Amino acid sequence: YKQAGIDCPEVAIYDAQDMNAFATSMNKNKALVAVSSGLLNNMTRDEAEAVLAHEISHVASGDMVTLALIQGVVNTFVIFIARIVGGIIDNFMSGNNDEESSGRGFSYYIIVFALEVVFGILASTIVMYYSRQREFSADSGAASLVGKEKMIAALQRLQQGSEPKLEGSLMAFGISGKRSGGLFMSHPPIEDRISALQASTF
């Protein structure tokens, strides 16, 4: 943590058989890093050190705050655009071309709701894209802190493990995410992360 330029985070162990870890904080100098008991039981000391360095890199980069901000901005745009497009569609369907008309029927709210769902799904791909990119960055950060080979070994160990069990917002902050989902994956495939590290120079 000193190499990363942050205060020592609080470290916790949670009981889970899968190998995973996550970091969470709105302040990089008051962070929490948690590792699963399954990770500690199945990884070597060097591999566990690399995982902790990965999470420290997330904290030092302020990834949790940035991801939350991106999600908030995207959600705001989804609501805003859905209402504009919904108004245009409602006016077209009702034959009302008076843009200053304030009367909105039930159909307008149905259209807006449907658009928010569609735009929300599309917008989530943007958030997940950023999430995947920050995993590559955290892998690189860990490699610079503890060595590339240690981080590669940790990822290879994760690749051998079972599907991670973290859910909800914690899933995006874990060292490992769901292994399917395409554009909706919060983490890149582990083999892509390993390849990126192997091709890097430190």
Protein backbone atom coordinates (compact mmCIF):
# COMPACT_ATOMS: atom_id res chain seq x y z
CA TYR A 1 0.00 0.00 0.00
CA LYS A 2 2.93 2.35 0.61
CA GLN A 3 4.14 1.78 -2.97
CA ALA A 4 0.65 2.67 -4.19
CA GLY A 5 0.68 5.88 -2.16
CA ILE A 6 -2.32 5.16 0.06
CA ASP A 7 -2.93 4.49 3.74
CA CYS A 8 -3.12 0.89 4.89
CA PRO A 9 -6.61 -0.41 4.14
CA GLU A 10 -8.66 -2.47 6.57
CA VAL A 11 -8.33 -6.14 5.64
CA ALA A 12 -11.10 -8.66 6.25
CA ILE A 13 -11.68 -12.35 5.54
CA TYR A 14 -15.14 -13.59 4.61
CA ASP A 15 -16.24 -17.22 4.62
CA ALA A 16 -16.71 -18.51 1.07
CA GLN A 17 -15.37 -21.53 -0.78
CA ASP A 18 -14.78 -19.75 -4.09
CA MET A 19 -11.55 -17.83 -4.65
CA ASN A 20 -12.31 -14.13 -4.72
CA ALA A 21 -11.52 -10.77 -3.20
CA PHE A 22 -12.90 -7.27 -3.44
CA ALA A 23 -12.16 -3.71 -2.40
CA THR A 24 -14.63 -0.99 -1.58
CA SER A 25 -14.26 2.61 -0.50
CA MET A 26 -15.27 6.15 -1.36
CA ASN A 27 -11.94 7.34 0.09
CA LYS A 28 -8.69 5.72 -1.02
CA ASN A 29 -7.19 6.27 2.44
CA LYS A 30 -10.09 4.57 4.22
CA ALA A 31 -10.58 1.44 2.16
CA LEU A 32 -11.68 -2.09 2.91
CA VAL A 33 -10.08 -5.05 1.17
CA ALA A 34 -11.73 -8.42 1.76
CA VAL A 35 -10.55 -11.86 0.69
CA SER A 36 -12.44 -15.13 0.79
CA SER A 37 -11.33 -18.04 2.95
CA GLY A 38 -11.38 -20.12 -0.23
CA LEU A 39 -8.75 -17.87 -1.78
CA LEU A 40 -6.47 -18.10 1.24
CA ASN A 41 -6.86 -21.89 1.37
CA ASN A 42 -6.17 -22.46 -2.33
CA MET A 43 -3.57 -19.86 -3.29
CA THR A 44 0.11 -19.66 -2.50
CA ARG A 45 1.43 -16.69 -0.54
CA ASP A 46 2.74 -15.06 -3.73
CA GLU A 47 -0.59 -15.52 -5.52
CA ALA A 48 -2.55 -14.08 -2.60
CA GLU A 49 -0.10 -11.17 -2.46
CA ALA A 50 -0.79 -10.45 -6.13
CA VAL A 51 -4.55 -10.50 -5.55
CA LEU A 52 -4.20 -8.02 -2.70
CA ALA A 53 -2.00 -5.85 -4.92
CA HIS A 54 -4.73 -5.94 -7.58
CA GLU A 55 -7.29 -4.69 -5.07
CA ILE A 56 -4.87 -2.06 -3.77
CA SER A 57 -4.50 -0.83 -7.35
CA HIS A 58 -8.29 -0.43 -7.58
CA VAL A 59 -8.26 1.61 -4.38
CA ALA A 60 -5.31 3.79 -5.44
CA SER A 61 -6.98 4.53 -8.78
CA GLY A 62 -10.29 5.46 -7.17
CA ASP A 63 -12.09 2.92 -9.35
CA MET A 64 -15.03 2.46 -6.98
CA VAL A 65 -15.83 6.20 -7.01
CA THR A 66 -15.36 6.50 -10.76
CA LEU A 67 -17.58 3.51 -11.50
CA ALA A 68 -20.31 4.89 -9.25
CA LEU A 69 -20.10 8.29 -10.97
CA ILE A 70 -20.25 6.74 -14.44
CA GLN A 71 -23.29 4.69 -13.42
CA GLY A 72 -25.00 7.79 -12.06
CA VAL A 73 -24.30 9.89 -15.15
CA VAL A 74 -25.45 7.11 -17.47
CA ASN A 75 -28.67 6.61 -15.50
CA THR A 76 -29.39 10.35 -15.68
CA PHE A 77 -28.94 10.36 -19.45
CA VAL A 78 -31.16 7.30 -19.79
CA ILE A 79 -34.02 9.04 -17.97
CA PHE A 80 -33.49 12.32 -19.82
CA ILE A 81 -33.30 10.82 -23.30
CA ALA A 82 -36.19 8.42 -22.64
CA ARG A 83 -38.46 11.35 -21.77
CA ILE A 84 -37.46 13.36 -24.83
CA VAL A 85 -37.89 10.44 -27.23
CA GLY A 86 -41.04 9.35 -25.40
CA GLY A 87 -42.55 12.81 -25.87
CA ILE A 88 -41.74 12.79 -29.58
CA ILE A 89 -43.26 9.34 -30.06
CA ASP A 90 -46.34 10.19 -28.00
CA ASN A 91 -46.93 13.41 -30.00
CA PHE A 92 -46.51 11.52 -33.26
CA MET A 93 -48.90 8.75 -32.22
CA SER A 94 -51.53 11.14 -30.90
CA GLY A 95 -51.17 13.54 -33.82
CA ASN A 96 -50.33 16.38 -31.41
CA ASN A 97 -47.61 18.57 -32.87
CA ASP A 98 -47.87 21.26 -30.20
CA GLU A 99 -44.50 20.98 -28.46
CA GLU A 100 -45.67 23.25 -25.67
CA SER A 101 -48.57 21.01 -24.75
CA SER A 102 -48.12 19.89 -21.15
CA GLY A 103 -50.84 17.25 -21.18
CA ARG A 104 -49.43 13.75 -21.11
CA GLY A 105 -51.61 10.68 -21.41
CA PHE A 106 -51.11 7.23 -19.93
CA SER A 107 -49.49 6.07 -23.19
CA TYR A 108 -46.65 8.59 -22.72
CA TYR A 109 -45.63 7.03 -19.40
CA ILE A 110 -45.80 3.53 -20.85
CA ILE A 111 -43.56 4.60 -23.74
CA VAL A 112 -41.09 6.30 -21.41
CA PHE A 113 -40.95 3.26 -19.14
CA ALA A 114 -40.27 0.97 -22.11
CA LEU A 115 -37.57 3.31 -23.43
CA GLU A 116 -35.90 3.52 -20.02
CA VAL A 117 -35.67 -0.28 -19.96
CA VAL A 118 -34.21 -0.45 -23.48
CA PHE A 119 -31.83 2.49 -23.02
CA GLY A 120 -30.87 1.17 -19.59
CA ILE A 121 -29.81 -2.16 -21.09
CA LEU A 122 -27.78 -0.41 -23.77
CA ALA A 123 -26.23 1.96 -21.24
CA SER A 124 -25.17 -0.91 -19.01
CA THR A 125 -22.85 -2.08 -21.79
CA ILE A 126 -20.98 1.22 -21.43
CA VAL A 127 -20.61 0.75 -17.68
CA MET A 128 -19.47 -2.85 -18.11
CA TYR A 129 -16.95 -1.81 -20.77
CA TYR A 130 -15.35 0.61 -18.29
CA SER A 131 -15.45 -2.10 -15.63
CA ARG A 132 -13.55 -4.50 -17.89
CA GLN A 133 -10.94 -1.87 -18.75
CA ARG A 134 -10.28 -1.11 -15.11
CA GLU A 135 -9.59 -4.81 -14.48
CA PHE A 136 -6.80 -4.71 -17.06
CA SER A 137 -5.46 -1.57 -15.34
CA ALA A 138 -5.59 -3.16 -11.89
CA ASP A 139 -3.80 -6.25 -13.19
CA SER A 140 -1.06 -3.99 -14.57
CA GLY A 141 -0.94 -2.09 -11.29
CA ALA A 142 -0.53 -5.31 -9.34
CA ALA A 143 2.19 -6.49 -11.70
CA SER A 144 4.13 -3.25 -11.14
CA LEU A 145 3.76 -3.63 -7.37
CA VAL A 146 4.62 -7.31 -6.85
CA GLY A 147 5.82 -8.59 -10.23
CA LYS A 148 4.19 -9.74 -13.43
CA GLU A 149 4.76 -13.45 -12.82
CA LYS A 150 2.97 -13.38 -9.48
CA MET A 151 -0.09 -11.72 -11.01
CA ILE A 152 -0.15 -14.16 -13.92
CA ALA A 153 0.11 -17.08 -11.48
CA ALA A 154 -2.79 -15.68 -9.44
CA LEU A 155 -4.97 -15.35 -12.55
CA GLN A 156 -4.09 -18.88 -13.65
CA ARG A 157 -5.13 -20.14 -10.21
CA LEU A 158 -8.42 -18.25 -10.49
CA GLN A 159 -8.95 -19.80 -13.90
CA GLN A 160 -8.82 -23.25 -12.31
CA GLY A 161 -11.39 -22.36 -9.66
CA SER A 162 -15.18 -22.44 -9.68
CA GLU A 163 -17.52 -19.67 -10.82
CA PRO A 164 -17.32 -16.74 -8.36
CA LYS A 165 -20.27 -16.34 -6.00
CA LEU A 166 -20.25 -12.57 -5.43
CA GLU A 167 -23.52 -10.93 -6.46
CA GLY A 168 -24.85 -7.45 -7.15
CA SER A 169 -22.52 -4.47 -6.94
CA LEU A 170 -19.83 -6.54 -5.19
CA MET A 171 -19.46 -8.69 -8.30
CA ALA A 172 -18.00 -5.75 -10.26
CA PHE A 173 -15.44 -5.16 -7.51
CA GLY A 174 -14.25 -8.78 -7.21
CA ILE A 175 -10.93 -10.06 -8.53
CA SER A 176 -12.93 -12.49 -10.66
CA GLY A 177 -16.36 -12.12 -12.27
CA LYS A 178 -18.90 -14.20 -14.16
CA ARG A 179 -17.40 -16.09 -17.06
CA SER A 180 -20.16 -15.46 -19.58
CA GLY A 181 -22.31 -12.55 -20.62
CA GLY A 182 -20.50 -10.93 -23.54
CA LEU A 183 -20.94 -7.15 -23.48
CA PHE A 184 -22.56 -7.41 -20.03
CA MET A 185 -19.54 -8.99 -18.35
CA SER A 186 -18.00 -6.92 -15.56
CA HIS A 187 -14.63 -8.66 -16.02
CA PRO A 188 -12.69 -9.61 -19.13
CA PRO A 189 -12.09 -13.35 -19.68
CA ILE A 190 -9.19 -14.45 -17.49
CA GLU A 191 -7.28 -15.74 -20.52
CA ASP A 192 -7.42 -12.22 -22.03
CA ARG A 193 -6.09 -10.73 -18.79
CA ILE A 194 -3.24 -13.25 -18.74
CA SER A 195 -2.40 -12.52 -22.38
CA ALA A 196 -2.38 -8.76 -21.72
CA LEU A 197 0.09 -9.22 -18.86
CA GLN A 198 2.29 -11.57 -20.85
CA ALA A 199 2.50 -9.00 -23.63
CA SER A 200 3.30 -6.14 -21.24
CA THR A 201 6.72 -4.97 -20.11
CA PHE A 202 7.51 -3.98 -16.53
